[in-house]
């Protein structure tokens, strides 16, 4: 049994991570702002009322863990606000950077004392953060923040390798969640998370820093 800490767990992919990990017998710590009834029904440890863009909230979370070892940290929390060139909103872009890129990096560094040799750090990014794969434009804040998150993950994979900590940068696929308006072309959260967990299992110090699709495809930067 391993201990997983997952952020952004009240619904969607984060909730499904908690469900599948709990069902296979792992210990799960679910971090969120406001827990859904579905999350509370899982019977796992839920740490709520946490805004991960807040320094004091992160400090409080570290205190709640009381030095507990984390085997796998999954930075899943994120937001999307759709911005086109015709509706450029700089405040929205800044907000998405804060939530999608800066907060996961800050939270991870705050939890480094809880990570040990063999621990893993996961950053949930998006194919929309691939520069080479961008053929449709738009979505300025979301795309830019996810590129920044991927770069943070890549740098951490280098900096943490001497400590025996591996880092993966994962794209869940097009998934039927509220974030995608439950796109009918997408896969279910169950299918996505099954693939994501497989990628986490494959992660090691030899492939640390990889940008993976949930299906195992290595994505272009």
N, C-alpha and C. Protein backbone atom coordinates (compact mmCIF):
# COMPACT_ATOMS: atom_id res chain seq x y z
N UNK A 1 0.84 -1.20 0.00
CA UNK A 1 0.00 0.00 0.00
C UNK A 1 0.87 1.25 0.00
N UNK A 2 0.54 2.19 -0.87
CA UNK A 2 1.26 3.45 -0.94
C UNK A 2 0.32 4.61 -0.54
N UNK A 3 0.94 5.74 -0.21
CA UNK A 3 0.17 6.92 0.14
C UNK A 3 0.21 7.91 -1.01
N UNK A 4 -0.98 8.25 -1.51
CA UNK A 4 -1.13 9.21 -2.59
C UNK A 4 -1.78 10.47 -2.03
N UNK A 5 -1.27 11.62 -2.42
CA UNK A 5 -1.92 12.88 -2.13
C UNK A 5 -2.35 13.48 -3.46
N UNK A 6 -3.65 13.76 -3.60
CA UNK A 6 -4.21 14.24 -4.86
C UNK A 6 -4.89 15.57 -4.62
N UNK A 7 -4.62 16.56 -5.46
CA UNK A 7 -5.30 17.85 -5.36
C UNK A 7 -6.42 17.94 -6.39
N UNK A 8 -7.36 18.84 -6.14
CA UNK A 8 -8.48 19.03 -7.08
C UNK A 8 -9.36 17.80 -7.19
N UNK A 9 -9.90 17.37 -6.05
CA UNK A 9 -10.51 16.03 -5.98
C UNK A 9 -12.03 16.02 -5.86
N UNK A 10 -12.69 17.16 -5.89
CA UNK A 10 -14.13 17.13 -5.62
C UNK A 10 -14.95 16.59 -6.78
N UNK A 11 -14.36 16.52 -7.99
CA UNK A 11 -15.09 15.99 -9.13
C UNK A 11 -14.10 15.58 -10.22
N UNK A 12 -14.64 15.05 -11.31
CA UNK A 12 -13.85 14.78 -12.50
C UNK A 12 -12.70 13.82 -12.31
N UNK A 13 -11.57 14.16 -12.92
CA UNK A 13 -10.41 13.29 -12.91
C UNK A 13 -9.86 13.11 -11.49
N UNK A 14 -9.83 14.18 -10.71
CA UNK A 14 -9.32 14.07 -9.35
C UNK A 14 -10.14 13.12 -8.50
N UNK A 15 -11.46 13.22 -8.61
CA UNK A 15 -12.35 12.31 -7.88
C UNK A 15 -12.12 10.87 -8.33
N UNK A 16 -11.97 10.68 -9.63
CA UNK A 16 -11.78 9.32 -10.15
C UNK A 16 -10.43 8.75 -9.72
N UNK A 17 -9.41 9.58 -9.67
CA UNK A 17 -8.12 9.13 -9.10
C UNK A 17 -8.35 8.56 -7.70
N UNK A 18 -9.04 9.33 -6.88
CA UNK A 18 -9.28 8.90 -5.49
C UNK A 18 -10.04 7.59 -5.45
N UNK A 19 -11.05 7.46 -6.29
CA UNK A 19 -11.87 6.25 -6.30
C UNK A 19 -11.05 5.02 -6.69
N UNK A 20 -10.30 5.13 -7.76
CA UNK A 20 -9.55 3.97 -8.23
C UNK A 20 -8.41 3.61 -7.30
N UNK A 21 -7.72 4.60 -6.77
CA UNK A 21 -6.62 4.32 -5.86
C UNK A 21 -7.13 3.70 -4.56
N UNK A 22 -8.24 4.22 -4.05
CA UNK A 22 -8.83 3.66 -2.84
C UNK A 22 -9.28 2.23 -3.06
N UNK A 23 -9.91 1.97 -4.22
CA UNK A 23 -10.43 0.64 -4.51
C UNK A 23 -9.33 -0.41 -4.62
N UNK A 24 -8.14 0.02 -5.00
CA UNK A 24 -7.06 -0.97 -5.12
C UNK A 24 -6.25 -1.10 -3.83
N UNK A 25 -6.65 -0.34 -2.80
CA UNK A 25 -6.06 -0.53 -1.48
C UNK A 25 -5.02 0.48 -1.06
N UNK A 26 -4.84 1.54 -1.84
CA UNK A 26 -3.87 2.57 -1.46
C UNK A 26 -4.49 3.56 -0.48
N UNK A 27 -3.64 4.21 0.30
CA UNK A 27 -4.09 5.28 1.17
C UNK A 27 -4.15 6.56 0.35
N UNK A 28 -5.26 7.28 0.45
CA UNK A 28 -5.45 8.48 -0.36
C UNK A 28 -5.76 9.68 0.54
N UNK A 29 -5.04 10.77 0.29
CA UNK A 29 -5.33 12.04 0.93
C UNK A 29 -5.85 12.97 -0.16
N UNK A 30 -7.10 13.36 -0.05
CA UNK A 30 -7.75 14.18 -1.07
C UNK A 30 -7.77 15.64 -0.63
N UNK A 31 -7.19 16.50 -1.44
CA UNK A 31 -7.13 17.93 -1.13
C UNK A 31 -8.06 18.69 -2.08
N UNK A 32 -8.88 19.56 -1.53
CA UNK A 32 -9.81 20.32 -2.36
C UNK A 32 -10.27 21.57 -1.61
N UNK A 33 -10.96 22.43 -2.33
CA UNK A 33 -11.55 23.60 -1.68
C UNK A 33 -12.84 23.23 -0.96
N UNK A 34 -13.72 22.52 -1.67
CA UNK A 34 -15.01 22.15 -1.10
C UNK A 34 -15.35 20.73 -1.53
N UNK A 35 -15.43 19.79 -0.60
CA UNK A 35 -15.65 18.39 -0.99
C UNK A 35 -17.08 18.14 -1.46
N UNK A 36 -17.20 17.38 -2.53
CA UNK A 36 -18.51 16.97 -3.02
C UNK A 36 -19.01 15.79 -2.19
N UNK A 37 -20.29 15.51 -2.30
CA UNK A 37 -20.84 14.34 -1.61
C UNK A 37 -20.20 13.06 -2.13
N UNK A 38 -19.90 13.04 -3.43
CA UNK A 38 -19.26 11.85 -4.02
C UNK A 38 -17.89 11.62 -3.40
N UNK A 39 -17.15 12.69 -3.16
CA UNK A 39 -15.83 12.55 -2.54
C UNK A 39 -15.95 12.09 -1.10
N UNK A 40 -16.85 12.72 -0.36
CA UNK A 40 -17.02 12.34 1.05
C UNK A 40 -17.47 10.90 1.20
N UNK A 41 -18.20 10.38 0.23
CA UNK A 41 -18.71 9.01 0.32
C UNK A 41 -17.63 7.95 0.14
N UNK A 42 -16.45 8.35 -0.33
CA UNK A 42 -15.38 7.36 -0.56
C UNK A 42 -14.76 6.85 0.73
N UNK A 43 -14.93 7.60 1.81
CA UNK A 43 -14.37 7.15 3.08
C UNK A 43 -12.86 7.28 3.16
N UNK A 44 -12.30 8.27 2.48
CA UNK A 44 -10.87 8.52 2.53
C UNK A 44 -10.61 9.81 3.29
N UNK A 45 -9.37 10.10 3.55
CA UNK A 45 -9.01 11.34 4.24
C UNK A 45 -9.20 12.51 3.29
N UNK A 46 -10.01 13.47 3.69
CA UNK A 46 -10.27 14.65 2.87
C UNK A 46 -9.79 15.89 3.62
N UNK A 47 -8.93 16.65 2.96
CA UNK A 47 -8.45 17.92 3.52
C UNK A 47 -9.08 19.03 2.68
N UNK A 48 -10.09 19.68 3.24
CA UNK A 48 -10.88 20.65 2.49
C UNK A 48 -10.53 22.08 2.89
N UNK A 49 -11.20 23.03 2.23
CA UNK A 49 -11.03 24.45 2.49
C UNK A 49 -9.61 24.93 2.25
N UNK A 50 -8.97 24.36 1.24
CA UNK A 50 -7.59 24.71 0.93
C UNK A 50 -7.49 25.38 -0.43
N UNK A 51 -7.08 26.64 -0.42
CA UNK A 51 -6.81 27.38 -1.65
C UNK A 51 -5.31 27.30 -1.89
N UNK A 52 -4.91 26.53 -2.89
CA UNK A 52 -3.49 26.27 -3.09
C UNK A 52 -2.75 27.45 -3.72
N UNK A 53 -3.45 28.54 -4.00
CA UNK A 53 -2.74 29.76 -4.40
C UNK A 53 -2.37 30.60 -3.18
N UNK A 54 -2.75 30.13 -2.00
CA UNK A 54 -2.51 30.86 -0.76
C UNK A 54 -1.31 30.27 -0.02
N UNK A 55 -0.33 31.10 0.28
CA UNK A 55 0.85 30.66 1.02
C UNK A 55 0.45 30.11 2.39
N UNK A 56 -0.47 30.77 3.07
CA UNK A 56 -0.87 30.32 4.40
C UNK A 56 -1.59 28.99 4.34
N UNK A 57 -2.38 28.77 3.28
CA UNK A 57 -3.10 27.51 3.13
C UNK A 57 -2.12 26.36 2.90
N UNK A 58 -1.10 26.60 2.09
CA UNK A 58 -0.09 25.57 1.85
C UNK A 58 0.66 25.26 3.14
N UNK A 59 1.02 26.29 3.87
CA UNK A 59 1.71 26.08 5.15
C UNK A 59 0.83 25.27 6.11
N UNK A 60 -0.46 25.58 6.11
CA UNK A 60 -1.41 24.86 6.96
C UNK A 60 -1.48 23.38 6.55
N UNK A 61 -1.49 23.12 5.24
CA UNK A 61 -1.56 21.74 4.76
C UNK A 61 -0.32 20.96 5.16
N UNK A 62 0.84 21.57 5.04
CA UNK A 62 2.07 20.92 5.47
C UNK A 62 1.99 20.56 6.95
N UNK A 63 1.45 21.47 7.74
CA UNK A 63 1.29 21.20 9.17
C UNK A 63 0.34 20.05 9.44
N UNK A 64 -0.75 19.97 8.67
CA UNK A 64 -1.71 18.88 8.84
C UNK A 64 -1.08 17.52 8.55
N UNK A 65 -0.14 17.50 7.62
CA UNK A 65 0.50 16.22 7.26
C UNK A 65 1.45 15.75 8.35
N UNK A 66 1.98 16.67 9.14
CA UNK A 66 2.81 16.33 10.30
C UNK A 66 3.94 15.37 9.92
N UNK A 67 4.60 15.67 8.80
CA UNK A 67 5.76 14.87 8.40
C UNK A 67 5.44 13.55 7.73
N UNK A 68 4.18 13.28 7.45
CA UNK A 68 3.79 12.01 6.84
C UNK A 68 4.45 11.83 5.48
N UNK A 69 4.95 10.63 5.22
CA UNK A 69 5.58 10.35 3.94
C UNK A 69 4.53 10.24 2.84
N UNK A 70 4.81 10.89 1.71
CA UNK A 70 3.96 10.82 0.52
C UNK A 70 4.71 10.04 -0.55
N UNK A 71 4.13 8.95 -0.99
CA UNK A 71 4.77 8.17 -2.05
C UNK A 71 4.53 8.78 -3.43
N UNK A 72 3.30 9.27 -3.66
CA UNK A 72 2.97 9.87 -4.95
C UNK A 72 2.14 11.13 -4.71
N UNK A 73 2.65 12.25 -5.23
CA UNK A 73 1.94 13.52 -5.17
C UNK A 73 1.37 13.81 -6.55
N UNK A 74 0.05 13.92 -6.65
CA UNK A 74 -0.60 14.20 -7.93
C UNK A 74 -1.17 15.61 -7.91
N UNK A 75 -0.53 16.51 -8.64
CA UNK A 75 -0.98 17.89 -8.75
C UNK A 75 -2.03 17.96 -9.87
N UNK A 76 -3.29 17.82 -9.48
CA UNK A 76 -4.37 17.73 -10.46
C UNK A 76 -5.21 19.00 -10.54
N UNK A 77 -5.23 19.81 -9.51
CA UNK A 77 -6.10 20.99 -9.49
C UNK A 77 -5.73 21.96 -10.61
N UNK A 78 -6.74 22.51 -11.26
CA UNK A 78 -6.50 23.47 -12.32
C UNK A 78 -7.80 24.10 -12.78
N UNK A 79 -7.68 25.16 -13.57
CA UNK A 79 -8.85 25.83 -14.12
C UNK A 79 -8.64 26.09 -15.60
N UNK A 80 -9.74 26.27 -16.31
CA UNK A 80 -9.67 26.71 -17.70
C UNK A 80 -10.65 27.86 -17.89
N UNK A 81 -10.17 28.94 -18.47
CA UNK A 81 -11.00 30.08 -18.83
C UNK A 81 -10.68 30.39 -20.29
N UNK A 82 -11.67 30.25 -21.14
CA UNK A 82 -11.44 30.32 -22.58
C UNK A 82 -11.30 31.77 -23.05
N UNK A 83 -10.14 32.06 -23.62
CA UNK A 83 -9.83 33.42 -24.06
C UNK A 83 -9.36 33.37 -25.51
N UNK A 84 -10.03 34.14 -26.35
CA UNK A 84 -9.60 34.26 -27.75
C UNK A 84 -8.88 35.59 -27.92
N UNK A 85 -8.32 35.79 -29.09
CA UNK A 85 -7.62 37.04 -29.38
C UNK A 85 -8.58 38.22 -29.32
N UNK A 86 -9.83 37.98 -29.65
CA UNK A 86 -10.83 39.04 -29.64
C UNK A 86 -11.36 39.36 -28.25
N UNK A 87 -11.06 38.48 -27.29
CA UNK A 87 -11.56 38.69 -25.93
C UNK A 87 -10.43 38.54 -24.92
N UNK A 88 -9.28 39.11 -25.26
CA UNK A 88 -8.10 38.97 -24.42
C UNK A 88 -8.34 39.59 -23.05
N UNK A 89 -8.12 38.80 -22.01
CA UNK A 89 -8.38 39.22 -20.64
C UNK A 89 -7.12 38.93 -19.83
N UNK A 90 -6.34 39.96 -19.56
CA UNK A 90 -5.05 39.75 -18.89
C UNK A 90 -5.22 39.26 -17.46
N UNK A 91 -6.26 39.69 -16.79
CA UNK A 91 -6.51 39.21 -15.43
C UNK A 91 -6.77 37.70 -15.44
N UNK A 92 -7.50 37.24 -16.42
CA UNK A 92 -7.77 35.80 -16.55
C UNK A 92 -6.49 35.03 -16.83
N UNK A 93 -5.65 35.58 -17.69
CA UNK A 93 -4.38 34.91 -18.00
C UNK A 93 -3.54 34.81 -16.73
N UNK A 94 -3.45 35.88 -15.97
CA UNK A 94 -2.69 35.85 -14.72
C UNK A 94 -3.27 34.83 -13.74
N UNK A 95 -4.59 34.78 -13.66
CA UNK A 95 -5.25 33.85 -12.75
C UNK A 95 -4.94 32.40 -13.14
N UNK A 96 -4.96 32.12 -14.43
CA UNK A 96 -4.67 30.75 -14.86
C UNK A 96 -3.21 30.37 -14.63
N UNK A 97 -2.32 31.33 -14.79
CA UNK A 97 -0.92 31.07 -14.44
C UNK A 97 -0.78 30.75 -12.96
N UNK A 98 -1.47 31.53 -12.14
CA UNK A 98 -1.38 31.35 -10.68
C UNK A 98 -1.87 29.96 -10.26
N UNK A 99 -3.03 29.56 -10.79
CA UNK A 99 -3.64 28.29 -10.40
C UNK A 99 -2.97 27.10 -11.07
N UNK A 100 -2.71 27.21 -12.38
CA UNK A 100 -2.28 26.06 -13.16
C UNK A 100 -0.79 25.80 -13.13
N UNK A 101 0.02 26.84 -12.89
CA UNK A 101 1.47 26.67 -12.96
C UNK A 101 2.19 27.00 -11.65
N UNK A 102 1.92 28.17 -11.10
CA UNK A 102 2.66 28.59 -9.91
C UNK A 102 2.25 27.78 -8.68
N UNK A 103 0.95 27.60 -8.49
CA UNK A 103 0.48 26.87 -7.29
C UNK A 103 1.00 25.43 -7.24
N UNK A 104 0.94 24.65 -8.32
CA UNK A 104 1.48 23.28 -8.24
C UNK A 104 2.97 23.23 -7.93
N UNK A 105 3.74 24.17 -8.51
CA UNK A 105 5.17 24.22 -8.23
C UNK A 105 5.41 24.57 -6.76
N UNK A 106 4.69 25.56 -6.27
CA UNK A 106 4.86 25.99 -4.89
C UNK A 106 4.45 24.88 -3.91
N UNK A 107 3.33 24.22 -4.20
CA UNK A 107 2.85 23.14 -3.34
C UNK A 107 3.85 21.98 -3.31
N UNK A 108 4.39 21.65 -4.46
CA UNK A 108 5.35 20.55 -4.53
C UNK A 108 6.61 20.87 -3.72
N UNK A 109 7.13 22.06 -3.87
CA UNK A 109 8.34 22.40 -3.14
C UNK A 109 8.08 22.43 -1.63
N UNK A 110 6.88 22.85 -1.24
CA UNK A 110 6.54 22.87 0.19
C UNK A 110 6.47 21.45 0.76
N UNK A 111 6.12 20.47 -0.09
CA UNK A 111 6.00 19.09 0.38
C UNK A 111 7.25 18.26 0.19
N UNK A 112 8.33 18.87 -0.26
CA UNK A 112 9.57 18.10 -0.47
C UNK A 112 10.03 17.36 0.79
N UNK A 113 9.86 17.92 1.98
CA UNK A 113 10.25 17.15 3.17
C UNK A 113 9.44 15.87 3.36
N UNK A 114 8.27 15.79 2.74
CA UNK A 114 7.43 14.60 2.84
C UNK A 114 7.73 13.57 1.75
N UNK A 115 8.57 13.94 0.80
CA UNK A 115 8.93 13.04 -0.29
C UNK A 115 10.31 12.44 -0.01
N UNK A 116 10.47 11.18 -0.33
CA UNK A 116 11.73 10.50 -0.07
C UNK A 116 12.18 9.77 -1.32
N UNK A 117 13.33 9.13 -1.23
CA UNK A 117 13.83 8.33 -2.34
C UNK A 117 12.77 7.33 -2.78
N UNK A 118 12.41 7.36 -4.04
CA UNK A 118 11.36 6.48 -4.55
C UNK A 118 10.00 7.14 -4.70
N UNK A 119 9.84 8.34 -4.14
CA UNK A 119 8.58 9.07 -4.30
C UNK A 119 8.44 9.55 -5.75
N UNK A 120 7.20 9.87 -6.12
CA UNK A 120 6.92 10.36 -7.47
C UNK A 120 6.06 11.62 -7.39
N UNK A 121 6.30 12.53 -8.34
CA UNK A 121 5.52 13.76 -8.43
C UNK A 121 4.87 13.80 -9.81
N UNK A 122 3.57 14.03 -9.83
CA UNK A 122 2.80 14.06 -11.07
C UNK A 122 2.22 15.45 -11.29
N UNK A 123 2.40 15.97 -12.50
CA UNK A 123 1.77 17.23 -12.89
C UNK A 123 0.76 16.93 -13.99
N UNK A 124 -0.50 17.23 -13.72
CA UNK A 124 -1.54 17.05 -14.72
C UNK A 124 -1.56 18.28 -15.62
N UNK A 125 -1.08 18.10 -16.83
CA UNK A 125 -1.03 19.20 -17.78
C UNK A 125 -2.05 18.93 -18.89
N UNK A 126 -1.76 19.36 -20.09
CA UNK A 126 -2.69 19.17 -21.20
C UNK A 126 -1.94 19.19 -22.52
N UNK A 127 -2.45 18.47 -23.48
CA UNK A 127 -1.90 18.53 -24.83
C UNK A 127 -2.01 19.94 -25.39
N UNK A 128 -2.95 20.71 -24.85
CA UNK A 128 -3.07 22.10 -25.29
C UNK A 128 -1.87 22.94 -24.86
N UNK A 129 -1.03 22.39 -24.00
CA UNK A 129 0.21 23.04 -23.61
C UNK A 129 1.39 22.61 -24.46
N UNK A 130 1.13 21.88 -25.54
CA UNK A 130 2.19 21.49 -26.47
C UNK A 130 2.31 22.56 -27.55
N UNK A 131 3.47 23.16 -27.67
CA UNK A 131 3.68 24.18 -28.69
C UNK A 131 3.64 23.54 -30.08
N UNK A 132 4.30 22.41 -30.22
CA UNK A 132 4.36 21.75 -31.53
C UNK A 132 3.00 21.25 -31.99
N UNK A 133 2.13 20.92 -31.04
CA UNK A 133 0.83 20.34 -31.37
C UNK A 133 -0.26 21.40 -31.56
N UNK A 134 0.09 22.65 -31.35
CA UNK A 134 -0.91 23.73 -31.43
C UNK A 134 -1.19 24.07 -32.90
N UNK A 135 -2.34 23.63 -33.38
CA UNK A 135 -2.72 23.92 -34.76
C UNK A 135 -4.01 24.73 -34.83
N UNK A 136 -4.57 25.10 -33.67
CA UNK A 136 -5.86 25.79 -33.68
C UNK A 136 -5.83 27.16 -33.01
N UNK A 137 -4.73 27.50 -32.32
CA UNK A 137 -4.60 28.81 -31.68
C UNK A 137 -5.58 29.01 -30.53
N UNK A 138 -5.75 30.27 -30.13
CA UNK A 138 -6.70 30.60 -29.07
C UNK A 138 -6.31 30.07 -27.70
N UNK A 139 -7.27 30.14 -26.78
CA UNK A 139 -7.09 29.62 -25.40
C UNK A 139 -5.79 30.12 -24.79
N UNK A 140 -5.54 31.42 -24.88
CA UNK A 140 -4.24 31.96 -24.51
C UNK A 140 -3.83 31.66 -23.07
N UNK A 141 -4.68 31.98 -22.12
CA UNK A 141 -4.30 31.77 -20.73
C UNK A 141 -4.07 30.31 -20.40
N UNK A 142 -4.96 29.45 -20.88
CA UNK A 142 -4.84 28.03 -20.57
C UNK A 142 -3.61 27.43 -21.23
N UNK A 143 -3.44 27.67 -22.52
CA UNK A 143 -2.28 27.12 -23.21
C UNK A 143 -0.97 27.60 -22.58
N UNK A 144 -0.87 28.89 -22.33
CA UNK A 144 0.36 29.47 -21.78
C UNK A 144 0.67 28.92 -20.39
N UNK A 145 -0.37 28.79 -19.56
CA UNK A 145 -0.14 28.29 -18.20
C UNK A 145 0.27 26.82 -18.20
N UNK A 146 -0.26 26.05 -19.13
CA UNK A 146 0.10 24.64 -19.18
C UNK A 146 1.50 24.43 -19.74
N UNK A 147 1.94 25.29 -20.65
CA UNK A 147 3.34 25.25 -21.08
C UNK A 147 4.25 25.52 -19.89
N UNK A 148 3.89 26.53 -19.10
CA UNK A 148 4.68 26.87 -17.92
C UNK A 148 4.72 25.72 -16.92
N UNK A 149 3.59 25.06 -16.72
CA UNK A 149 3.55 23.92 -15.80
C UNK A 149 4.46 22.80 -16.29
N UNK A 150 4.41 22.51 -17.59
CA UNK A 150 5.26 21.45 -18.13
C UNK A 150 6.74 21.79 -17.96
N UNK A 151 7.10 23.05 -18.15
CA UNK A 151 8.49 23.45 -17.96
C UNK A 151 8.91 23.30 -16.49
N UNK A 152 8.00 23.65 -15.58
CA UNK A 152 8.30 23.46 -14.16
C UNK A 152 8.53 21.99 -13.85
N UNK A 153 7.68 21.13 -14.42
CA UNK A 153 7.84 19.70 -14.20
C UNK A 153 9.14 19.17 -14.76
N UNK A 154 9.52 19.64 -15.94
CA UNK A 154 10.77 19.20 -16.55
C UNK A 154 11.97 19.62 -15.71
N UNK A 155 11.98 20.85 -15.24
CA UNK A 155 13.08 21.31 -14.40
C UNK A 155 13.14 20.53 -13.09
N UNK A 156 11.97 20.29 -12.49
CA UNK A 156 11.95 19.51 -11.25
C UNK A 156 12.45 18.09 -11.46
N UNK A 157 12.18 17.53 -12.64
CA UNK A 157 12.65 16.16 -12.90
C UNK A 157 14.16 16.09 -12.86
N UNK A 158 14.82 17.17 -13.25
CA UNK A 158 16.28 17.23 -13.21
C UNK A 158 16.77 17.50 -11.80
N UNK A 159 16.14 18.47 -11.14
CA UNK A 159 16.59 18.87 -9.81
C UNK A 159 16.33 17.82 -8.74
N UNK A 160 15.27 17.02 -8.91
CA UNK A 160 14.91 16.03 -7.89
C UNK A 160 15.49 14.64 -8.15
N UNK A 161 16.05 14.43 -9.33
CA UNK A 161 16.59 13.11 -9.66
C UNK A 161 17.68 12.66 -8.68
N UNK A 162 18.58 13.54 -8.26
CA UNK A 162 19.59 13.10 -7.28
C UNK A 162 19.01 12.63 -5.96
N UNK A 163 17.78 13.07 -5.66
CA UNK A 163 17.11 12.64 -4.42
C UNK A 163 16.29 11.37 -4.63
N UNK A 164 16.31 10.84 -5.85
CA UNK A 164 15.57 9.62 -6.14
C UNK A 164 14.09 9.84 -6.35
N UNK A 165 13.70 11.07 -6.70
CA UNK A 165 12.29 11.42 -6.90
C UNK A 165 12.05 11.62 -8.39
N UNK A 166 11.11 10.87 -8.96
CA UNK A 166 10.79 10.95 -10.39
C UNK A 166 9.57 11.83 -10.62
N UNK A 167 9.53 12.47 -11.79
CA UNK A 167 8.46 13.42 -12.12
C UNK A 167 7.86 13.05 -13.47
N UNK A 168 6.53 13.04 -13.56
CA UNK A 168 5.84 12.83 -14.82
C UNK A 168 4.94 14.01 -15.13
N UNK A 169 4.81 14.33 -16.40
CA UNK A 169 3.95 15.40 -16.89
C UNK A 169 2.90 14.72 -17.75
N UNK A 170 1.65 14.69 -17.27
CA UNK A 170 0.64 13.82 -17.88
C UNK A 170 -0.54 14.58 -18.47
N UNK A 171 -0.94 14.14 -19.66
CA UNK A 171 -2.15 14.63 -20.32
C UNK A 171 -3.21 13.54 -20.21
N UNK A 172 -4.40 13.86 -19.70
CA UNK A 172 -5.41 12.82 -19.47
C UNK A 172 -6.16 12.36 -20.70
N UNK A 173 -5.93 13.04 -21.84
CA UNK A 173 -6.76 12.79 -23.01
C UNK A 173 -7.94 13.74 -23.01
N UNK A 174 -8.75 13.67 -24.04
CA UNK A 174 -10.00 14.42 -24.07
C UNK A 174 -11.01 13.63 -23.24
N UNK A 175 -11.38 14.19 -22.10
CA UNK A 175 -12.18 13.46 -21.12
C UNK A 175 -13.52 14.14 -20.94
N UNK A 176 -14.55 13.37 -20.73
CA UNK A 176 -15.90 13.89 -20.52
C UNK A 176 -16.04 14.42 -19.09
N UNK A 177 -15.63 15.66 -18.90
CA UNK A 177 -15.75 16.32 -17.60
C UNK A 177 -16.38 17.69 -17.80
N UNK A 178 -16.67 18.35 -16.70
CA UNK A 178 -17.24 19.70 -16.79
C UNK A 178 -16.29 20.65 -17.50
N UNK A 179 -14.99 20.44 -17.34
CA UNK A 179 -14.00 21.31 -17.96
C UNK A 179 -14.09 21.27 -19.48
N UNK A 180 -14.50 20.12 -20.04
CA UNK A 180 -14.62 19.99 -21.50
C UNK A 180 -16.08 20.05 -21.95
N UNK A 181 -16.95 20.52 -21.06
CA UNK A 181 -18.39 20.56 -21.34
C UNK A 181 -18.93 19.17 -21.68
N UNK A 182 -18.34 18.16 -21.05
CA UNK A 182 -18.75 16.76 -21.23
C UNK A 182 -18.78 16.39 -22.72
N UNK A 183 -17.69 16.73 -23.38
CA UNK A 183 -17.55 16.49 -24.82
C UNK A 183 -17.84 15.02 -25.15
N UNK A 184 -18.80 14.79 -26.04
CA UNK A 184 -19.21 13.43 -26.37
C UNK A 184 -18.12 12.65 -27.10
N UNK A 185 -17.15 13.36 -27.66
CA UNK A 185 -16.05 12.70 -28.34
C UNK A 185 -14.99 12.21 -27.36
N UNK A 186 -15.12 12.63 -26.10
CA UNK A 186 -14.12 12.29 -25.10
C UNK A 186 -14.30 10.91 -24.50
N UNK A 187 -13.28 10.49 -23.76
CA UNK A 187 -13.33 9.23 -23.03
C UNK A 187 -13.87 9.48 -21.63
N UNK A 188 -14.22 8.42 -20.93
CA UNK A 188 -14.72 8.56 -19.57
C UNK A 188 -13.57 8.82 -18.61
N UNK A 189 -13.92 9.36 -17.45
CA UNK A 189 -12.89 9.55 -16.42
C UNK A 189 -12.30 8.21 -16.00
N UNK A 190 -13.11 7.17 -15.98
CA UNK A 190 -12.62 5.84 -15.60
C UNK A 190 -11.51 5.37 -16.53
N UNK A 191 -11.75 5.52 -17.84
CA UNK A 191 -10.75 5.11 -18.83
C UNK A 191 -9.49 5.97 -18.73
N UNK A 192 -9.67 7.27 -18.59
CA UNK A 192 -8.53 8.18 -18.50
C UNK A 192 -7.66 7.86 -17.30
N UNK A 193 -8.27 7.73 -16.14
CA UNK A 193 -7.49 7.52 -14.92
C UNK A 193 -6.83 6.14 -14.90
N UNK A 194 -7.47 5.17 -15.49
CA UNK A 194 -6.83 3.86 -15.60
C UNK A 194 -5.51 3.98 -16.36
N UNK A 195 -5.53 4.74 -17.47
CA UNK A 195 -4.30 4.96 -18.22
C UNK A 195 -3.30 5.80 -17.46
N UNK A 196 -3.78 6.83 -16.77
CA UNK A 196 -2.88 7.69 -15.99
C UNK A 196 -2.16 6.92 -14.89
N UNK A 197 -2.88 6.06 -14.21
CA UNK A 197 -2.26 5.25 -13.16
C UNK A 197 -1.22 4.31 -13.75
N UNK A 198 -1.49 3.79 -14.94
CA UNK A 198 -0.51 2.94 -15.61
C UNK A 198 0.77 3.71 -15.90
N UNK A 199 0.63 4.98 -16.32
CA UNK A 199 1.81 5.80 -16.59
C UNK A 199 2.58 6.06 -15.29
N UNK A 200 1.87 6.29 -14.20
CA UNK A 200 2.52 6.51 -12.91
C UNK A 200 3.29 5.27 -12.49
N UNK A 201 2.70 4.11 -12.72
CA UNK A 201 3.39 2.85 -12.38
C UNK A 201 4.67 2.69 -13.20
N UNK A 202 4.66 3.15 -14.45
CA UNK A 202 5.82 3.02 -15.33
C UNK A 202 6.91 4.04 -15.02
N UNK A 203 6.57 5.11 -14.31
CA UNK A 203 7.50 6.19 -14.06
C UNK A 203 8.67 5.73 -13.20
N UNK A 204 9.87 6.09 -13.63
CA UNK A 204 11.07 5.79 -12.86
C UNK A 204 12.13 6.85 -13.16
N UNK A 205 13.31 6.70 -12.59
CA UNK A 205 14.35 7.72 -12.76
C UNK A 205 14.93 7.72 -14.17
N UNK A 206 14.71 6.67 -14.93
CA UNK A 206 15.20 6.63 -16.30
C UNK A 206 14.30 7.40 -17.27
N UNK A 207 12.99 7.46 -16.97
CA UNK A 207 12.08 8.19 -17.86
C UNK A 207 11.48 9.43 -17.19
N UNK A 208 12.07 9.86 -16.09
CA UNK A 208 11.58 11.05 -15.39
C UNK A 208 11.61 12.25 -16.33
N UNK A 209 10.59 13.10 -16.20
CA UNK A 209 10.49 14.29 -17.04
C UNK A 209 9.76 14.06 -18.35
N UNK A 210 9.15 12.89 -18.52
CA UNK A 210 8.45 12.58 -19.76
C UNK A 210 7.08 13.26 -19.80
N UNK A 211 6.70 13.73 -20.99
CA UNK A 211 5.39 14.33 -21.25
C UNK A 211 4.55 13.25 -21.94
N UNK A 212 3.66 12.63 -21.15
CA UNK A 212 2.91 11.46 -21.60
C UNK A 212 1.43 11.76 -21.81
N UNK A 213 0.85 11.14 -22.81
CA UNK A 213 -0.60 10.99 -22.93
C UNK A 213 -1.00 9.83 -22.03
N UNK A 214 -2.22 9.86 -21.53
CA UNK A 214 -2.69 8.76 -20.68
C UNK A 214 -2.60 7.42 -21.38
N UNK A 215 -2.68 7.41 -22.71
CA UNK A 215 -2.64 6.15 -23.46
C UNK A 215 -1.22 5.62 -23.67
N UNK A 216 -0.23 6.34 -23.16
CA UNK A 216 1.16 5.89 -23.26
C UNK A 216 1.96 6.58 -24.33
N UNK A 217 1.31 7.36 -25.18
CA UNK A 217 2.02 8.09 -26.23
C UNK A 217 2.88 9.21 -25.60
N UNK A 218 4.11 9.35 -26.09
CA UNK A 218 4.94 10.46 -25.65
C UNK A 218 4.62 11.66 -26.53
N UNK A 219 4.25 12.76 -25.88
CA UNK A 219 3.77 13.93 -26.61
C UNK A 219 4.89 14.91 -26.94
N UNK A 220 4.74 15.64 -28.02
CA UNK A 220 5.76 16.64 -28.39
C UNK A 220 5.66 17.88 -27.50
N UNK A 221 6.78 18.51 -27.29
CA UNK A 221 6.79 19.74 -26.50
C UNK A 221 6.26 20.91 -27.33
